[in-house]
Amino acid sequence: MILLNEAFNKMASPITATMRYLEDLGLQVVLISPGENLVTRMAYLYRHHDIIRDPIGNAVCLEGHSVSEKARVAYCEDLTKFNPDLIDTELRVIESIKAVASELSVADD
């Protein structure tokens, strides 16, 4: 088991290689990270917990959530490390939209 507190908070690119390496070593990875980073971590999670603190009653609530394989695959589709053609595909879509908009603009004149 390896415990990483606020790992990768200031960087995005090395997370894929690092997480694959840790998994290849057979380690159970426990990441502690602010909630705003959850979306970028979902491709690597099997389970995550929200820690909610009640400032008035000083109580702490721990809510566990499982991440399905289907959800992990969906998050991987948005990461260029898993889908290297993603940027080129999106650029082609943007160029197609620009071309159509240009044709419509010319037709309106």
C-alpha atoms as a PDB file:
ATOM      1  CA  MET A   1       0.000   0.000   0.000  1.00  0.00           C
ATOM      2  CA  ILE A   2       1.184   3.519  -0.767  1.00  0.00           C
ATOM      3  CA  LEU A   3      -0.375   6.684   0.630  1.00  0.00           C
ATOM      4  CA  LEU A   4       0.033   9.900  -1.386  1.00  0.00           C
ATOM      5  CA  ASN A   5      -1.176  13.154   0.151  1.00  0.00           C
ATOM      6  CA  GLU A   6      -2.223  15.740  -2.449  1.00  0.00           C
ATOM      7  CA  ALA A   7      -0.214  13.959  -5.143  1.00  0.00           C
ATOM      8  CA  PHE A   8      -0.292  15.481  -8.637  1.00  0.00           C
ATOM      9  CA  ASN A   9      -2.147  18.600  -7.432  1.00  0.00           C
ATOM     10  CA  LYS A  10       0.066  20.981  -9.405  1.00  0.00           C
ATOM     11  CA  MET A  11       0.600  18.759 -12.439  1.00  0.00           C
ATOM     12  CA  ALA A  12      -1.462  16.599 -14.769  1.00  0.00           C
ATOM     13  CA  SER A  13       0.841  14.911 -17.268  1.00  0.00           C
ATOM     14  CA  PRO A  14       2.842  12.451 -15.122  1.00  0.00           C
ATOM     15  CA  ILE A  15      -0.191  10.978 -13.361  1.00  0.00           C
ATOM     16  CA  THR A  16      -0.880   8.314 -16.010  1.00  0.00           C
ATOM     17  CA  ALA A  17       2.644   6.920 -16.066  1.00  0.00           C
ATOM     18  CA  THR A  18       2.910   7.074 -12.284  1.00  0.00           C
ATOM     19  CA  MET A  19      -0.434   5.377 -11.640  1.00  0.00           C
ATOM     20  CA  ARG A  20       0.327   2.625 -14.172  1.00  0.00           C
ATOM     21  CA  TYR A  21       3.738   2.078 -12.564  1.00  0.00           C
ATOM     22  CA  LEU A  22       2.250   1.827  -9.064  1.00  0.00           C
ATOM     23  CA  GLU A  23      -0.421  -0.607 -10.296  1.00  0.00           C
ATOM     24  CA  ASP A  24       2.237  -2.696 -12.087  1.00  0.00           C
ATOM     25  CA  LEU A  25       4.084  -2.925  -8.778  1.00  0.00           C
ATOM     26  CA  GLY A  26       0.902  -4.367  -7.291  1.00  0.00           C
ATOM     27  CA  LEU A  27       0.468  -1.520  -4.834  1.00  0.00           C
ATOM     28  CA  GLN A  28      -2.858  -0.394  -3.480  1.00  0.00           C
ATOM     29  CA  VAL A  29      -2.798   3.353  -3.995  1.00  0.00           C
ATOM     30  CA  VAL A  30      -4.519   5.710  -1.567  1.00  0.00           C
ATOM     31  CA  LEU A  31      -4.668   9.281  -2.866  1.00  0.00           C
ATOM     32  CA  ILE A  32      -5.678  12.168  -0.647  1.00  0.00           C
ATOM     33  CA  SER A  33      -6.749  15.095  -2.748  1.00  0.00           C
ATOM     34  CA  PRO A  34      -9.092  18.089  -2.701  1.00  0.00           C
ATOM     35  CA  GLY A  35     -12.489  17.516  -4.302  1.00  0.00           C
ATOM     36  CA  GLU A  36     -11.782  19.753  -7.285  1.00  0.00           C
ATOM     37  CA  ASN A  37      -9.205  17.216  -8.490  1.00  0.00           C
ATOM     38  CA  LEU A  38     -11.620  14.290  -8.453  1.00  0.00           C
ATOM     39  CA  VAL A  39     -12.547  14.514 -12.134  1.00  0.00           C
ATOM     40  CA  THR A  40      -8.933  14.235 -13.288  1.00  0.00           C
ATOM     41  CA  ARG A  41      -8.397  11.218 -11.021  1.00  0.00           C
ATOM     42  CA  MET A  42     -11.532   9.208 -11.888  1.00  0.00           C
ATOM     43  CA  ALA A  43      -9.833   7.206 -14.659  1.00  0.00           C
ATOM     44  CA  TYR A  44      -7.564   5.670 -12.002  1.00  0.00           C
ATOM     45  CA  LEU A  45     -10.013   5.146  -9.131  1.00  0.00           C
ATOM     46  CA  TYR A  46     -11.956   2.089  -8.109  1.00  0.00           C
ATOM     47  CA  ARG A  47     -13.393   3.735  -5.032  1.00  0.00           C
ATOM     48  CA  HIS A  48     -13.360   7.215  -3.539  1.00  0.00           C
ATOM     49  CA  HIS A  49     -14.587   8.717  -0.298  1.00  0.00           C
ATOM     50  CA  ASP A  50     -15.950  12.149   0.461  1.00  0.00           C
ATOM     51  CA  ILE A  51     -15.038  13.439   3.895  1.00  0.00           C
ATOM     52  CA  ILE A  52     -17.608  15.952   5.048  1.00  0.00           C
ATOM     53  CA  ARG A  53     -17.095  17.929   8.229  1.00  0.00           C
ATOM     54  CA  ASP A  54     -19.942  19.619  10.065  1.00  0.00           C
ATOM     55  CA  PRO A  55     -18.392  22.828  11.429  1.00  0.00           C
ATOM     56  CA  ILE A  56     -21.164  23.349  13.967  1.00  0.00           C
ATOM     57  CA  GLY A  57     -21.468  19.889  15.475  1.00  0.00           C
ATOM     58  CA  ASN A  58     -17.819  19.057  14.769  1.00  0.00           C
ATOM     59  CA  ALA A  59     -18.931  15.714  13.336  1.00  0.00           C
ATOM     60  CA  VAL A  60     -17.229  14.027  10.403  1.00  0.00           C
ATOM     61  CA  CYS A  61     -19.086  11.954   7.835  1.00  0.00           C
ATOM     62  CA  LEU A  62     -17.357   9.561   5.447  1.00  0.00           C
ATOM     63  CA  GLU A  63     -19.280   8.686   2.270  1.00  0.00           C
ATOM     64  CA  GLY A  64     -17.868   5.944   0.063  1.00  0.00           C
ATOM     65  CA  HIS A  65     -18.490   5.706  -3.683  1.00  0.00           C
ATOM     66  CA  SER A  66     -17.559   2.880  -6.038  1.00  0.00           C
ATOM     67  CA  VAL A  67     -16.352   3.745  -9.539  1.00  0.00           C
ATOM     68  CA  SER A  68     -17.505   1.223 -12.129  1.00  0.00           C
ATOM     69  CA  GLU A  69     -15.314  -0.071 -14.931  1.00  0.00           C
ATOM     70  CA  LYS A  70     -17.686   1.615 -17.386  1.00  0.00           C
ATOM     71  CA  ALA A  71     -17.139   4.981 -15.648  1.00  0.00           C
ATOM     72  CA  ARG A  72     -13.350   4.553 -15.628  1.00  0.00           C
ATOM     73  CA  VAL A  73     -13.378   3.757 -19.354  1.00  0.00           C
ATOM     74  CA  ALA A  74     -15.531   6.841 -20.015  1.00  0.00           C
ATOM     75  CA  TYR A  75     -13.081   9.052 -18.106  1.00  0.00           C
ATOM     76  CA  CYS A  76     -10.154   7.501 -20.013  1.00  0.00           C
ATOM     77  CA  GLU A  77     -11.769   8.500 -23.298  1.00  0.00           C
ATOM     78  CA  ASP A  78     -11.196  12.156 -22.367  1.00  0.00           C
ATOM     79  CA  LEU A  79      -7.499  11.693 -21.577  1.00  0.00           C
ATOM     80  CA  THR A  80      -4.960  11.952 -24.377  1.00  0.00           C
ATOM     81  CA  LYS A  81      -2.715   9.428 -22.611  1.00  0.00           C
ATOM     82  CA  PHE A  82      -5.366   6.771 -23.257  1.00  0.00           C
ATOM     83  CA  ASN A  83      -6.762   8.260 -26.464  1.00  0.00           C
ATOM     84  CA  PRO A  84      -3.834   9.850 -28.379  1.00  0.00           C
ATOM     85  CA  ASP A  85      -5.982  10.716 -31.416  1.00  0.00           C
ATOM     86  CA  LEU A  86      -8.363  12.804 -29.327  1.00  0.00           C
ATOM     87  CA  ILE A  87      -6.802  16.191 -30.093  1.00  0.00           C
ATOM     88  CA  ASP A  88      -6.511  15.565 -33.840  1.00  0.00           C
ATOM     89  CA  THR A  89     -10.115  14.361 -33.957  1.00  0.00           C
ATOM     90  CA  GLU A  90     -11.360  17.442 -32.108  1.00  0.00           C
ATOM     91  CA  LEU A  91      -9.319  19.754 -34.343  1.00  0.00           C
ATOM     92  CA  ARG A  92     -10.907  18.147 -37.422  1.00  0.00           C
ATOM     93  CA  VAL A  93     -14.365  18.702 -35.917  1.00  0.00           C
ATOM     94  CA  ILE A  94     -13.554  22.365 -35.237  1.00  0.00           C
ATOM     95  CA  GLU A  95     -12.270  22.849 -38.796  1.00  0.00           C
ATOM     96  CA  SER A  96     -15.451  21.237 -40.180  1.00  0.00           C
ATOM     97  CA  ILE A  97     -17.616  23.560 -38.102  1.00  0.00           C
ATOM     98  CA  LYS A  98     -15.613  26.570 -39.279  1.00  0.00           C
ATOM     99  CA  ALA A  99     -15.982  25.469 -42.909  1.00  0.00           C
ATOM    100  CA  VAL A 100     -19.753  25.061 -42.580  1.00  0.00           C
ATOM    101  CA  ALA A 101     -20.050  28.427 -40.805  1.00  0.00           C
ATOM    102  CA  SER A 102     -17.989  30.045 -43.553  1.00  0.00           C
ATOM    103  CA  GLU A 103     -20.190  28.525 -46.271  1.00  0.00           C
ATOM    104  CA  LEU A 104     -23.332  29.717 -44.484  1.00  0.00           C
ATOM    105  CA  SER A 105     -21.823  33.191 -44.136  1.00  0.00           C
ATOM    106  CA  VAL A 106     -21.053  33.343 -47.863  1.00  0.00           C
ATOM    107  CA  ALA A 107     -24.567  32.099 -48.699  1.00  0.00           C
ATOM    108  CA  ASP A 108     -26.104  34.884 -46.578  1.00  0.00           C
ATOM    109  CA  ASP A 109     -24.198  37.565 -48.515  1.00  0.00           C
END
